[in-house]
Amino acid sequence: MHPPTKIEWTTLATAQAMELHRYIAEDSFASANRQLGLVLESIQTLSLFPRKGRVGRVSGTRELVVTGAPYVVAYRLQSTAIQILAILHGARRWPDSFTAS
């Protein structure tokens, strides 16, 4: 068995995680915690199963559908890490590209 792969977050993905929590917390802090928890748990599984997500719509990326939440995590496999690129609501328009920062 391979050791867990390191997970790195881009500035964009971090901001999107904080925004999804803030938006949901306007109605229910508990719901916001649950939804963000589902996203974070799903992302954590990538450290052991990096290819768990499907091939992404943006070249060179993969997409992890978050079970129990309306979110999709875009990520990129790198030689030493998994780079979390974005967390998008499934109903939103998908971008043509992601900038890694």
N, C-alpha and C. Protein backbone atom coordinates (compact mmCIF):
# COMPACT_ATOMS: atom_id res chain seq x y z
N MET A 1 0.85 -1.19 0.00
CA MET A 1 0.00 0.00 0.00
C MET A 1 0.89 1.24 0.00
N HIS A 2 0.49 2.23 -0.77
CA HIS A 2 1.24 3.47 -0.87
C HIS A 2 0.93 4.40 0.30
N PRO A 3 1.90 5.22 0.71
CA PRO A 3 1.61 6.19 1.77
C PRO A 3 0.63 7.24 1.27
N PRO A 4 -0.10 7.89 2.16
CA PRO A 4 -1.05 8.93 1.74
C PRO A 4 -0.35 10.04 0.96
N THR A 5 -1.04 10.53 -0.04
CA THR A 5 -0.54 11.63 -0.85
C THR A 5 -0.91 12.95 -0.19
N LYS A 6 0.02 13.89 -0.20
CA LYS A 6 -0.21 15.21 0.39
C LYS A 6 -1.27 15.96 -0.42
N ILE A 7 -2.11 16.71 0.27
CA ILE A 7 -3.14 17.53 -0.37
C ILE A 7 -2.78 18.99 -0.18
N GLU A 8 -2.73 19.73 -1.30
CA GLU A 8 -2.45 21.17 -1.27
C GLU A 8 -3.65 21.92 -1.81
N TRP A 9 -3.97 23.03 -1.19
CA TRP A 9 -5.12 23.85 -1.59
C TRP A 9 -4.64 25.12 -2.30
N THR A 10 -5.31 25.47 -3.40
CA THR A 10 -5.04 26.76 -4.03
C THR A 10 -5.77 27.84 -3.23
N THR A 11 -5.38 29.06 -3.46
CA THR A 11 -6.04 30.19 -2.81
C THR A 11 -7.52 30.23 -3.21
N LEU A 12 -7.81 29.96 -4.49
CA LEU A 12 -9.19 29.97 -4.98
C LEU A 12 -10.03 28.92 -4.25
N ALA A 13 -9.54 27.70 -4.15
CA ALA A 13 -10.30 26.63 -3.50
C ALA A 13 -10.55 26.94 -2.02
N THR A 14 -9.56 27.49 -1.36
CA THR A 14 -9.71 27.87 0.05
C THR A 14 -10.80 28.93 0.19
N ALA A 15 -10.77 29.93 -0.67
CA ALA A 15 -11.77 31.01 -0.64
C ALA A 15 -13.17 30.45 -0.93
N GLN A 16 -13.27 29.52 -1.87
CA GLN A 16 -14.57 28.94 -2.20
C GLN A 16 -15.11 28.12 -1.03
N ALA A 17 -14.26 27.40 -0.33
CA ALA A 17 -14.71 26.62 0.84
C ALA A 17 -15.25 27.56 1.91
N MET A 18 -14.54 28.65 2.15
CA MET A 18 -14.99 29.61 3.15
C MET A 18 -16.29 30.27 2.72
N GLU A 19 -16.44 30.57 1.44
CA GLU A 19 -17.64 31.22 0.93
C GLU A 19 -18.85 30.29 1.00
N LEU A 20 -18.66 29.02 0.66
CA LEU A 20 -19.82 28.11 0.73
C LEU A 20 -20.29 27.97 2.17
N HIS A 21 -19.36 27.95 3.11
CA HIS A 21 -19.75 27.88 4.52
C HIS A 21 -20.47 29.16 4.95
N ARG A 22 -19.93 30.31 4.58
CA ARG A 22 -20.54 31.59 4.95
C ARG A 22 -21.96 31.70 4.39
N TYR A 23 -22.13 31.32 3.12
CA TYR A 23 -23.42 31.45 2.46
C TYR A 23 -24.47 30.56 3.14
N ILE A 24 -24.13 29.31 3.39
CA ILE A 24 -25.09 28.39 4.01
C ILE A 24 -25.35 28.80 5.46
N ALA A 25 -24.34 29.30 6.16
CA ALA A 25 -24.47 29.70 7.57
C ALA A 25 -25.43 30.86 7.75
N GLU A 26 -25.71 31.62 6.69
CA GLU A 26 -26.72 32.69 6.79
C GLU A 26 -28.07 32.11 7.20
N ASP A 27 -28.35 30.88 6.78
CA ASP A 27 -29.60 30.21 7.13
C ASP A 27 -29.43 29.26 8.31
N SER A 28 -28.30 28.53 8.31
CA SER A 28 -28.10 27.53 9.36
C SER A 28 -26.62 27.22 9.52
N PHE A 29 -26.08 27.57 10.67
CA PHE A 29 -24.67 27.30 10.94
C PHE A 29 -24.40 25.80 10.98
N ALA A 30 -25.34 25.04 11.54
CA ALA A 30 -25.19 23.58 11.61
C ALA A 30 -25.16 22.97 10.21
N SER A 31 -26.03 23.44 9.33
CA SER A 31 -26.04 22.94 7.95
C SER A 31 -24.74 23.30 7.23
N ALA A 32 -24.25 24.50 7.47
CA ALA A 32 -22.99 24.92 6.86
C ALA A 32 -21.86 24.01 7.31
N ASN A 33 -21.82 23.69 8.59
CA ASN A 33 -20.79 22.79 9.10
C ASN A 33 -20.90 21.40 8.48
N ARG A 34 -22.13 20.90 8.33
CA ARG A 34 -22.35 19.58 7.73
C ARG A 34 -21.89 19.56 6.28
N GLN A 35 -22.30 20.56 5.51
CA GLN A 35 -21.95 20.60 4.09
C GLN A 35 -20.43 20.71 3.89
N LEU A 36 -19.80 21.61 4.63
CA LEU A 36 -18.36 21.76 4.51
C LEU A 36 -17.66 20.49 4.99
N GLY A 37 -18.18 19.87 6.02
CA GLY A 37 -17.62 18.61 6.50
C GLY A 37 -17.64 17.52 5.44
N LEU A 38 -18.75 17.42 4.70
CA LEU A 38 -18.84 16.44 3.61
C LEU A 38 -17.79 16.71 2.54
N VAL A 39 -17.61 17.98 2.20
CA VAL A 39 -16.61 18.36 1.20
C VAL A 39 -15.21 17.98 1.69
N LEU A 40 -14.89 18.35 2.91
CA LEU A 40 -13.56 18.08 3.45
C LEU A 40 -13.29 16.58 3.59
N GLU A 41 -14.28 15.82 4.02
CA GLU A 41 -14.12 14.37 4.13
C GLU A 41 -13.87 13.74 2.77
N SER A 42 -14.60 14.21 1.76
CA SER A 42 -14.41 13.69 0.41
C SER A 42 -13.00 13.98 -0.10
N ILE A 43 -12.55 15.21 0.14
CA ILE A 43 -11.21 15.60 -0.30
C ILE A 43 -10.16 14.74 0.41
N GLN A 44 -10.37 14.47 1.69
CA GLN A 44 -9.39 13.69 2.45
C GLN A 44 -9.23 12.28 1.88
N THR A 45 -10.30 11.71 1.31
CA THR A 45 -10.19 10.36 0.74
C THR A 45 -9.23 10.34 -0.45
N LEU A 46 -9.03 11.49 -1.08
CA LEU A 46 -8.11 11.54 -2.23
C LEU A 46 -6.68 11.24 -1.82
N SER A 47 -6.33 11.48 -0.57
CA SER A 47 -4.95 11.21 -0.14
C SER A 47 -4.61 9.72 -0.26
N LEU A 48 -5.60 8.86 -0.12
CA LEU A 48 -5.38 7.42 -0.28
C LEU A 48 -5.80 6.91 -1.66
N PHE A 49 -6.74 7.59 -2.28
CA PHE A 49 -7.26 7.17 -3.59
C PHE A 49 -7.25 8.36 -4.56
N PRO A 50 -6.08 8.78 -5.02
CA PRO A 50 -5.97 10.01 -5.82
C PRO A 50 -6.77 9.99 -7.13
N ARG A 51 -7.00 8.82 -7.69
CA ARG A 51 -7.73 8.73 -8.96
C ARG A 51 -9.22 8.44 -8.75
N LYS A 52 -9.69 8.65 -7.54
CA LYS A 52 -11.09 8.38 -7.21
C LYS A 52 -12.05 9.20 -8.07
N GLY A 53 -11.71 10.43 -8.36
CA GLY A 53 -12.57 11.29 -9.16
C GLY A 53 -12.52 10.95 -10.64
N ARG A 54 -13.50 11.44 -11.36
CA ARG A 54 -13.57 11.21 -12.81
C ARG A 54 -12.63 12.16 -13.54
N VAL A 55 -12.38 11.86 -14.80
CA VAL A 55 -11.57 12.76 -15.64
C VAL A 55 -12.32 14.09 -15.73
N GLY A 56 -11.59 15.19 -15.56
CA GLY A 56 -12.21 16.51 -15.51
C GLY A 56 -12.56 17.09 -16.87
N ARG A 57 -13.46 18.06 -16.84
CA ARG A 57 -13.85 18.79 -18.05
C ARG A 57 -12.76 19.72 -18.51
N VAL A 58 -11.91 20.17 -17.59
CA VAL A 58 -10.77 21.01 -17.92
C VAL A 58 -9.56 20.09 -18.08
N SER A 59 -8.84 20.23 -19.16
CA SER A 59 -7.70 19.37 -19.45
C SER A 59 -6.72 19.30 -18.27
N GLY A 60 -6.28 18.07 -17.96
CA GLY A 60 -5.31 17.87 -16.90
C GLY A 60 -5.87 17.85 -15.50
N THR A 61 -7.20 17.85 -15.38
CA THR A 61 -7.82 17.86 -14.05
C THR A 61 -8.68 16.62 -13.86
N ARG A 62 -9.08 16.43 -12.62
CA ARG A 62 -10.04 15.39 -12.26
C ARG A 62 -11.14 16.07 -11.43
N GLU A 63 -12.29 15.41 -11.32
CA GLU A 63 -13.42 15.97 -10.59
C GLU A 63 -13.96 14.94 -9.60
N LEU A 64 -14.11 15.37 -8.38
CA LEU A 64 -14.66 14.52 -7.34
C LEU A 64 -16.05 15.03 -6.98
N VAL A 65 -17.05 14.22 -7.24
CA VAL A 65 -18.42 14.57 -6.86
C VAL A 65 -18.57 14.26 -5.37
N VAL A 66 -19.02 15.24 -4.60
CA VAL A 66 -19.17 15.08 -3.15
C VAL A 66 -20.51 14.42 -2.87
N THR A 67 -20.48 13.21 -2.34
CA THR A 67 -21.69 12.47 -2.01
C THR A 67 -22.44 13.18 -0.88
N GLY A 68 -23.74 13.39 -1.09
CA GLY A 68 -24.57 14.01 -0.06
C GLY A 68 -24.55 15.52 -0.07
N ALA A 69 -23.86 16.11 -1.05
CA ALA A 69 -23.78 17.58 -1.15
C ALA A 69 -23.75 17.93 -2.64
N PRO A 70 -24.21 19.13 -2.99
CA PRO A 70 -24.27 19.51 -4.40
C PRO A 70 -22.96 20.10 -4.94
N TYR A 71 -21.83 19.59 -4.48
CA TYR A 71 -20.54 20.18 -4.85
C TYR A 71 -19.66 19.21 -5.61
N VAL A 72 -18.84 19.78 -6.47
CA VAL A 72 -17.83 19.04 -7.22
C VAL A 72 -16.49 19.70 -6.93
N VAL A 73 -15.49 18.89 -6.62
CA VAL A 73 -14.15 19.38 -6.33
C VAL A 73 -13.28 19.13 -7.55
N ALA A 74 -12.71 20.18 -8.10
CA ALA A 74 -11.77 20.04 -9.21
C ALA A 74 -10.36 19.95 -8.62
N TYR A 75 -9.59 18.98 -9.11
CA TYR A 75 -8.24 18.82 -8.58
C TYR A 75 -7.29 18.35 -9.68
N ARG A 76 -6.02 18.48 -9.38
CA ARG A 76 -4.97 18.10 -10.31
C ARG A 76 -3.99 17.18 -9.58
N LEU A 77 -3.63 16.09 -10.25
CA LEU A 77 -2.61 15.19 -9.71
C LEU A 77 -1.25 15.72 -10.09
N GLN A 78 -0.39 15.87 -9.10
CA GLN A 78 0.98 16.29 -9.34
C GLN A 78 1.90 15.17 -8.86
N SER A 79 3.18 15.27 -9.13
CA SER A 79 4.09 14.18 -8.78
C SER A 79 4.17 13.93 -7.28
N THR A 80 4.04 14.97 -6.47
CA THR A 80 4.19 14.79 -5.02
C THR A 80 2.95 15.18 -4.22
N ALA A 81 1.91 15.62 -4.89
CA ALA A 81 0.73 16.10 -4.16
C ALA A 81 -0.51 16.09 -5.04
N ILE A 82 -1.63 16.28 -4.38
CA ILE A 82 -2.92 16.52 -5.06
C ILE A 82 -3.23 17.98 -4.83
N GLN A 83 -3.47 18.70 -5.89
CA GLN A 83 -3.74 20.14 -5.79
C GLN A 83 -5.24 20.37 -5.94
N ILE A 84 -5.87 20.88 -4.89
CA ILE A 84 -7.30 21.20 -4.92
C ILE A 84 -7.42 22.55 -5.63
N LEU A 85 -8.09 22.55 -6.78
CA LEU A 85 -8.18 23.75 -7.62
C LEU A 85 -9.42 24.58 -7.34
N ALA A 86 -10.55 23.91 -7.11
CA ALA A 86 -11.81 24.64 -6.94
C ALA A 86 -12.86 23.75 -6.31
N ILE A 87 -13.82 24.38 -5.65
CA ILE A 87 -15.00 23.70 -5.13
C ILE A 87 -16.19 24.44 -5.73
N LEU A 88 -16.91 23.75 -6.58
CA LEU A 88 -18.00 24.40 -7.31
C LEU A 88 -19.33 23.72 -7.03
N HIS A 89 -20.37 24.52 -6.95
CA HIS A 89 -21.72 23.97 -6.84
C HIS A 89 -22.05 23.33 -8.18
N GLY A 90 -22.66 22.16 -8.15
CA GLY A 90 -22.97 21.43 -9.37
C GLY A 90 -23.81 22.19 -10.37
N ALA A 91 -24.60 23.17 -9.93
CA ALA A 91 -25.47 23.92 -10.82
C ALA A 91 -24.77 25.11 -11.48
N ARG A 92 -23.57 25.41 -11.05
CA ARG A 92 -22.86 26.57 -11.60
C ARG A 92 -22.19 26.24 -12.92
N ARG A 93 -21.96 27.26 -13.71
CA ARG A 93 -21.26 27.10 -14.99
C ARG A 93 -19.81 26.73 -14.71
N TRP A 94 -19.32 25.73 -15.43
CA TRP A 94 -17.96 25.25 -15.22
C TRP A 94 -16.98 26.16 -15.95
N PRO A 95 -15.86 26.54 -15.32
CA PRO A 95 -14.89 27.43 -15.97
C PRO A 95 -14.13 26.70 -17.09
N ASP A 96 -13.55 27.47 -17.99
CA ASP A 96 -12.74 26.91 -19.08
C ASP A 96 -11.37 26.49 -18.60
N SER A 97 -10.90 27.09 -17.50
CA SER A 97 -9.58 26.77 -16.98
C SER A 97 -9.52 27.14 -15.49
N PHE A 98 -8.45 26.68 -14.84
CA PHE A 98 -8.21 27.01 -13.45
C PHE A 98 -6.81 27.60 -13.35
N THR A 99 -6.66 28.62 -12.54
CA THR A 99 -5.34 29.15 -12.27
C THR A 99 -4.88 28.58 -10.95
N ALA A 100 -3.67 28.13 -10.90
CA ALA A 100 -3.14 27.54 -9.67
C ALA A 100 -2.36 28.59 -8.91
N SER A 101 -2.87 28.95 -7.74
CA SER A 101 -2.15 29.90 -6.88
C SER A 101 -2.37 29.54 -5.44
